C-alpha atoms as a PDB file:
ATOM      1  CA  MET A   1       0.000   0.000   0.000  1.00  0.00           C
ATOM      2  CA  THR A   2       1.191   3.486  -0.765  1.00  0.00           C
ATOM      3  CA  GLY A   3      -0.256   6.800   0.134  1.00  0.00           C
ATOM      4  CA  VAL A   4      -0.148   9.573   2.655  1.00  0.00           C
ATOM      5  CA  ARG A   5      -1.504   9.925   6.171  1.00  0.00           C
ATOM      6  CA  VAL A   6      -2.306  13.321   7.643  1.00  0.00           C
ATOM      7  CA  LEU A   7      -2.681  13.733  11.401  1.00  0.00           C
ATOM      8  CA  LEU A   8      -4.385  16.794  12.895  1.00  0.00           C
ATOM      9  CA  TYR A   9      -4.014  17.210  16.646  1.00  0.00           C
ATOM     10  CA  HIS A  10      -6.826  18.544  18.802  1.00  0.00           C
ATOM     11  CA  THR A  11      -7.460  19.026  22.504  1.00  0.00           C
ATOM     12  CA  THR A  12     -10.733  19.552  24.344  1.00  0.00           C
ATOM     13  CA  ASP A  13     -12.921  18.519  27.240  1.00  0.00           C
ATOM     14  CA  ASP A  14     -15.958  18.825  24.961  1.00  0.00           C
ATOM     15  CA  VAL A  15     -16.189  15.260  23.673  1.00  0.00           C
ATOM     16  CA  ALA A  16     -19.662  15.672  22.211  1.00  0.00           C
ATOM     17  CA  GLY A  17     -18.598  18.905  20.524  1.00  0.00           C
ATOM     18  CA  ILE A  18     -15.545  17.487  18.802  1.00  0.00           C
ATOM     19  CA  GLU A  19     -17.412  14.356  17.751  1.00  0.00           C
ATOM     20  CA  ALA A  20     -20.180  16.477  16.194  1.00  0.00           C
ATOM     21  CA  ALA A  21     -17.602  18.717  14.493  1.00  0.00           C
ATOM     22  CA  TYR A  22     -15.772  15.661  13.147  1.00  0.00           C
ATOM     23  CA  HIS A  23     -18.981  14.285  11.628  1.00  0.00           C
ATOM     24  CA  ARG A  24     -19.873  17.664  10.060  1.00  0.00           C
ATOM     25  CA  ALA A  25     -16.377  18.034   8.578  1.00  0.00           C
ATOM     26  CA  SER A  26     -16.449  14.435   7.295  1.00  0.00           C
ATOM     27  CA  GLU A  27     -19.759  15.096   5.535  1.00  0.00           C
ATOM     28  CA  HIS A  28     -18.179  18.136   3.826  1.00  0.00           C
ATOM     29  CA  LEU A  29     -15.186  16.017   2.777  1.00  0.00           C
ATOM     30  CA  ALA A  30     -17.222  13.240   1.157  1.00  0.00           C
ATOM     31  CA  GLY A  31     -16.162  12.814  -2.444  1.00  0.00           C
ATOM     32  CA  VAL A  32     -12.888  14.768  -2.259  1.00  0.00           C
ATOM     33  CA  PRO A  33     -10.654  13.267  -4.963  1.00  0.00           C
ATOM     34  CA  GLY A  34      -7.905  11.094  -3.480  1.00  0.00           C
ATOM     35  CA  LEU A  35      -9.285  11.059   0.072  1.00  0.00           C
ATOM     36  CA  LEU A  36      -9.594   7.411   1.060  1.00  0.00           C
ATOM     37  CA  GLY A  37     -11.109   7.997   4.505  1.00  0.00           C
ATOM     38  CA  ASN A  38     -10.583   9.480   7.943  1.00  0.00           C
ATOM     39  CA  GLU A  39     -10.900   8.581  11.609  1.00  0.00           C
ATOM     40  CA  LEU A  40     -11.288  10.454  14.884  1.00  0.00           C
ATOM     41  CA  LEU A  41      -8.951   8.972  17.492  1.00  0.00           C
ATOM     42  CA  ARG A  42      -9.037   9.719  21.231  1.00  0.00           C
ATOM     43  CA  SER A  43      -5.948   9.413  23.379  1.00  0.00           C
ATOM     44  CA  ILE A  44      -6.085   6.795  26.107  1.00  0.00           C
ATOM     45  CA  PRO A  45      -3.471   8.342  28.440  1.00  0.00           C
ATOM     46  CA  ASP A  46      -4.802  11.907  27.876  1.00  0.00           C
ATOM     47  CA  PRO A  47      -8.579  11.844  27.304  1.00  0.00           C
ATOM     48  CA  ARG A  48      -8.449  15.523  26.225  1.00  0.00           C
ATOM     49  CA  GLY A  49      -6.269  14.585  23.234  1.00  0.00           C
ATOM     50  CA  PHE A  50      -7.771  13.793  19.850  1.00  0.00           C
ATOM     51  CA  VAL A  51      -6.300  13.146  16.407  1.00  0.00           C
ATOM     52  CA  VAL A  52      -8.040  13.216  13.070  1.00  0.00           C
ATOM     53  CA  LEU A  53      -6.209  10.741  10.851  1.00  0.00           C
ATOM     54  CA  SER A  54      -6.946  11.003   7.134  1.00  0.00           C
ATOM     55  CA  SER A  55      -5.704   8.635   4.444  1.00  0.00           C
ATOM     56  CA  TRP A  56      -4.903   9.911   0.959  1.00  0.00           C
ATOM     57  CA  ARG A  57      -4.084   8.055  -2.244  1.00  0.00           C
ATOM     58  CA  ALA A  58      -1.111  10.340  -2.993  1.00  0.00           C
ATOM     59  CA  VAL A  59       0.560  13.461  -1.657  1.00  0.00           C
ATOM     60  CA  ALA A  60      -0.459  15.267  -4.851  1.00  0.00           C
ATOM     61  CA  ASP A  61      -4.139  14.616  -4.023  1.00  0.00           C
ATOM     62  CA  PHE A  62      -3.719  16.006  -0.521  1.00  0.00           C
ATOM     63  CA  GLU A  63      -1.780  19.055  -1.721  1.00  0.00           C
ATOM     64  CA  ALA A  64      -4.327  19.826  -4.445  1.00  0.00           C
ATOM     65  CA  TRP A  65      -7.156  19.715  -1.911  1.00  0.00           C
ATOM     66  CA  GLU A  66      -5.193  21.758   0.633  1.00  0.00           C
ATOM     67  CA  ARG A  67      -4.542  24.513  -1.951  1.00  0.00           C
ATOM     68  CA  GLY A  68      -8.135  24.396  -3.215  1.00  0.00           C
ATOM     69  CA  PRO A  69     -10.952  26.803  -2.401  1.00  0.00           C
ATOM     70  CA  ASP A  70     -12.957  24.338  -0.260  1.00  0.00           C
ATOM     71  CA  HIS A  71     -10.236  23.280   2.214  1.00  0.00           C
ATOM     72  CA  LYS A  72     -10.899  25.868   4.930  1.00  0.00           C
ATOM     73  CA  ARG A  73     -14.694  25.610   4.657  1.00  0.00           C
ATOM     74  CA  GLN A  74     -14.641  21.821   4.832  1.00  0.00           C
ATOM     75  CA  THR A  75     -12.443  21.705   7.939  1.00  0.00           C
ATOM     76  CA  ALA A  76     -13.951  24.742   9.702  1.00  0.00           C
ATOM     77  CA  PRO A  77     -16.053  22.731  12.192  1.00  0.00           C
ATOM     78  CA  LEU A  78     -12.899  21.216  13.736  1.00  0.00           C
ATOM     79  CA  ARG A  79     -10.802  24.387  13.849  1.00  0.00           C
ATOM     80  CA  PRO A  80     -11.925  25.496  17.364  1.00  0.00           C
ATOM     81  CA  PHE A  81     -10.589  22.215  18.783  1.00  0.00           C
ATOM     82  CA  ARG A  82      -7.096  22.446  17.258  1.00  0.00           C
ATOM     83  CA  ASP A  83      -4.271  21.939  19.761  1.00  0.00           C
ATOM     84  CA  THR A  84      -2.743  25.423  19.837  1.00  0.00           C
ATOM     85  CA  THR A  85      -0.088  24.413  22.379  1.00  0.00           C
ATOM     86  CA  MET A  86       1.800  22.674  19.581  1.00  0.00           C
ATOM     87  CA  SER A  87       4.075  24.654  17.278  1.00  0.00           C
ATOM     88  CA  ARG A  88       2.696  22.603  14.385  1.00  0.00           C
ATOM     89  CA  PRO A  89      -0.659  20.916  15.112  1.00  0.00           C
ATOM     90  CA  PHE A  90      -0.446  18.522  12.188  1.00  0.00           C
ATOM     91  CA  GLY A  91       1.801  15.927  10.607  1.00  0.00           C
ATOM     92  CA  ILE A  92       2.031  14.589   7.053  1.00  0.00           C
ATOM     93  CA  TYR A  93       3.498  11.119   6.578  1.00  0.00           C
ATOM     94  CA  ARG A  94       4.188   9.016   3.495  1.00  0.00           C
ATOM     95  CA  VAL A  95       3.431   5.296   3.873  1.00  0.00           C
ATOM     96  CA  THR A  96       6.742   3.487   3.404  1.00  0.00           C
ATOM     97  CA  ALA A  97       5.781  -0.036   4.488  1.00  0.00           C
ATOM     98  CA  THR A  98       2.672  -1.953   5.457  1.00  0.00           C
ATOM     99  CA  TYR A  99       1.524  -5.517   6.149  1.00  0.00           C
END
C-alpha cells in the first residue's frame, strides 16, 4: 500500500462537541478526490487529546485539496478544537511499508 496519512491534533474537554464537528467536517469532505477515509482517534493516556487521521491516495491529491478553495470551509467545524499548544498541530506522513 502506498499513500499519505495526515494527522491533525486537537485538545478539548468537549467530547460531544468534537465528535459532532468531526462528523460535520467528514460530511463536507465526502467525495474529495484522493481522500480514502478518515478517523477520529481519542488518546487513552490523555482523554483531552484527539487526532483526526486522514488517508490519501497520494501526496499530490492532498496538496491539491489543501490549496483548493474548499479546504478551509470543509475543515472549519474542527478548527476550534485544534491543539494550539503545539508549534505545528499537524503531521504529514508518506506510507513506506505496510503488512
